[in-house]
Amino acid sequence: MRIALRRPGTRVSATLAAVAVAAGVVVGVASPAHADYTSPLYKTLAACKAARPTYVSSWTSPGPCYPMYNWNGTKRVGYAFKVTTRG
């Protein structure tokens, strides 16, 4: 009785094809990325305002600078702004 041998590259190429199809499905079904995040802390309000233009793009827009406080709200630790996705 003869044993039918597979060609060695067939299994690897079939695996790569399955991975490529799975990746395409994941990317196609995924929701668009949202950029809603808080900027790094800046020590002064002037530094915060100066950094805002670097976050402007066709996808994102920065909000106004606001003070950030420590965990119990007694001491101001810097300034930040929120970067949001353009709708």
C-alpha atoms as a PDB file:
ATOM      1  CA  MET A   1       0.000   0.000   0.000  1.00  0.00           C
ATOM      2  CA  ARG A   2       1.386   3.375  -0.985  1.00  0.00           C
ATOM      3  CA  ILE A   3       1.394   6.299   1.424  1.00  0.00           C
ATOM      4  CA  ALA A   4       0.533   9.559  -0.289  1.00  0.00           C
ATOM      5  CA  LEU A   5       3.026  12.170   0.870  1.00  0.00           C
ATOM      6  CA  ARG A   6       2.138  15.802   0.888  1.00  0.00           C
ATOM      7  CA  ARG A   7       4.454  18.328  -0.537  1.00  0.00           C
ATOM      8  CA  PRO A   8       6.317  20.027   2.341  1.00  0.00           C
ATOM      9  CA  GLY A   9       5.293  23.600   1.455  1.00  0.00           C
ATOM     10  CA  THR A  10       1.572  22.874   1.204  1.00  0.00           C
ATOM     11  CA  ARG A  11       0.888  22.846   4.934  1.00  0.00           C
ATOM     12  CA  VAL A  12       2.853  26.048   5.525  1.00  0.00           C
ATOM     13  CA  SER A  13       1.183  27.927   2.676  1.00  0.00           C
ATOM     14  CA  ALA A  14      -2.266  26.765   3.802  1.00  0.00           C
ATOM     15  CA  THR A  15      -1.520  28.018   7.312  1.00  0.00           C
ATOM     16  CA  LEU A  16      -0.316  31.377   6.016  1.00  0.00           C
ATOM     17  CA  ALA A  17      -3.413  31.729   3.863  1.00  0.00           C
ATOM     18  CA  ALA A  18      -5.667  30.991   6.854  1.00  0.00           C
ATOM     19  CA  VAL A  19      -3.828  33.550   8.983  1.00  0.00           C
ATOM     20  CA  ALA A  20      -4.130  36.174   6.240  1.00  0.00           C
ATOM     21  CA  VAL A  21      -7.871  35.581   5.899  1.00  0.00           C
ATOM     22  CA  ALA A  22      -8.363  35.744   9.680  1.00  0.00           C
ATOM     23  CA  ALA A  23      -6.391  39.000   9.902  1.00  0.00           C
ATOM     24  CA  GLY A  24      -8.466  40.481   7.086  1.00  0.00           C
ATOM     25  CA  VAL A  25     -11.679  39.579   8.891  1.00  0.00           C
ATOM     26  CA  VAL A  26     -10.445  41.129  12.153  1.00  0.00           C
ATOM     27  CA  VAL A  27      -9.382  44.356  10.444  1.00  0.00           C
ATOM     28  CA  GLY A  28     -12.573  44.539   8.385  1.00  0.00           C
ATOM     29  CA  VAL A  29     -14.882  44.042  11.351  1.00  0.00           C
ATOM     30  CA  ALA A  30     -12.980  46.231  13.831  1.00  0.00           C
ATOM     31  CA  SER A  31     -14.454  49.572  14.814  1.00  0.00           C
ATOM     32  CA  PRO A  32     -12.510  52.713  13.961  1.00  0.00           C
ATOM     33  CA  ALA A  33      -9.945  53.891  16.481  1.00  0.00           C
ATOM     34  CA  HIS A  34     -10.899  56.762  18.737  1.00  0.00           C
ATOM     35  CA  ALA A  35      -8.323  59.200  19.994  1.00  0.00           C
ATOM     36  CA  ASP A  36     -10.106  60.360  23.130  1.00  0.00           C
ATOM     37  CA  TYR A  37      -7.279  60.688  25.624  1.00  0.00           C
ATOM     38  CA  THR A  38      -5.767  63.202  28.019  1.00  0.00           C
ATOM     39  CA  SER A  39      -2.531  64.917  27.099  1.00  0.00           C
ATOM     40  CA  PRO A  40       0.574  64.722  29.279  1.00  0.00           C
ATOM     41  CA  LEU A  41       0.788  67.105  32.222  1.00  0.00           C
ATOM     42  CA  TYR A  42       2.358  70.514  31.659  1.00  0.00           C
ATOM     43  CA  LYS A  43       3.730  72.526  34.578  1.00  0.00           C
ATOM     44  CA  THR A  44       2.309  75.871  33.449  1.00  0.00           C
ATOM     45  CA  LEU A  45      -0.754  77.058  31.592  1.00  0.00           C
ATOM     46  CA  ALA A  46       1.483  78.740  28.989  1.00  0.00           C
ATOM     47  CA  ALA A  47       3.287  75.446  28.278  1.00  0.00           C
ATOM     48  CA  CYS A  48      -0.057  73.671  27.944  1.00  0.00           C
ATOM     49  CA  LYS A  49      -1.375  76.244  25.482  1.00  0.00           C
ATOM     50  CA  ALA A  50       1.875  76.093  23.499  1.00  0.00           C
ATOM     51  CA  ALA A  51       1.617  72.291  23.160  1.00  0.00           C
ATOM     52  CA  ARG A  52      -1.999  72.209  21.922  1.00  0.00           C
ATOM     53  CA  PRO A  53      -1.220  72.955  18.218  1.00  0.00           C
ATOM     54  CA  THR A  54       0.928  69.807  17.990  1.00  0.00           C
ATOM     55  CA  TYR A  55      -2.202  67.702  18.635  1.00  0.00           C
ATOM     56  CA  VAL A  56      -4.259  69.201  15.792  1.00  0.00           C
ATOM     57  CA  SER A  57      -4.709  66.858  12.818  1.00  0.00           C
ATOM     58  CA  SER A  58      -7.365  65.897  10.307  1.00  0.00           C
ATOM     59  CA  TRP A  59      -8.546  63.217  12.788  1.00  0.00           C
ATOM     60  CA  THR A  60      -8.082  64.886  16.179  1.00  0.00           C
ATOM     61  CA  SER A  61      -8.633  68.191  17.881  1.00  0.00           C
ATOM     62  CA  PRO A  62      -7.448  69.320  21.320  1.00  0.00           C
ATOM     63  CA  GLY A  63      -9.771  70.841  23.878  1.00  0.00           C
ATOM     64  CA  PRO A  64      -9.014  73.736  26.200  1.00  0.00           C
ATOM     65  CA  CYS A  65      -6.358  73.474  28.917  1.00  0.00           C
ATOM     66  CA  TYR A  66      -7.650  72.801  32.420  1.00  0.00           C
ATOM     67  CA  PRO A  67      -5.938  72.386  35.793  1.00  0.00           C
ATOM     68  CA  MET A  68      -5.171  68.889  37.110  1.00  0.00           C
ATOM     69  CA  TYR A  69      -5.211  68.265  40.861  1.00  0.00           C
ATOM     70  CA  ASN A  70      -3.747  65.613  43.125  1.00  0.00           C
ATOM     71  CA  TRP A  71      -5.800  62.640  44.329  1.00  0.00           C
ATOM     72  CA  ASN A  72      -7.773  64.578  46.954  1.00  0.00           C
ATOM     73  CA  GLY A  73      -8.090  67.850  45.042  1.00  0.00           C
ATOM     74  CA  THR A  74      -6.015  70.019  47.377  1.00  0.00           C
ATOM     75  CA  LYS A  75      -2.990  70.802  45.186  1.00  0.00           C
ATOM     76  CA  ARG A  76      -2.726  71.681  41.512  1.00  0.00           C
ATOM     77  CA  VAL A  77      -0.130  69.420  39.860  1.00  0.00           C
ATOM     78  CA  GLY A  78      -0.219  70.845  36.329  1.00  0.00           C
ATOM     79  CA  TYR A  79      -2.375  71.490  33.284  1.00  0.00           C
ATOM     80  CA  ALA A  80      -3.714  69.147  30.603  1.00  0.00           C
ATOM     81  CA  PHE A  81      -6.245  69.019  27.776  1.00  0.00           C
ATOM     82  CA  LYS A  82      -8.356  66.319  26.203  1.00  0.00           C
ATOM     83  CA  VAL A  83      -7.675  65.219  22.619  1.00  0.00           C
ATOM     84  CA  THR A  84     -10.856  64.052  20.871  1.00  0.00           C
ATOM     85  CA  THR A  85     -11.683  62.419  17.560  1.00  0.00           C
ATOM     86  CA  ARG A  86     -13.293  64.719  15.036  1.00  0.00           C
ATOM     87  CA  GLY A  87     -16.844  63.687  14.330  1.00  0.00           C
END
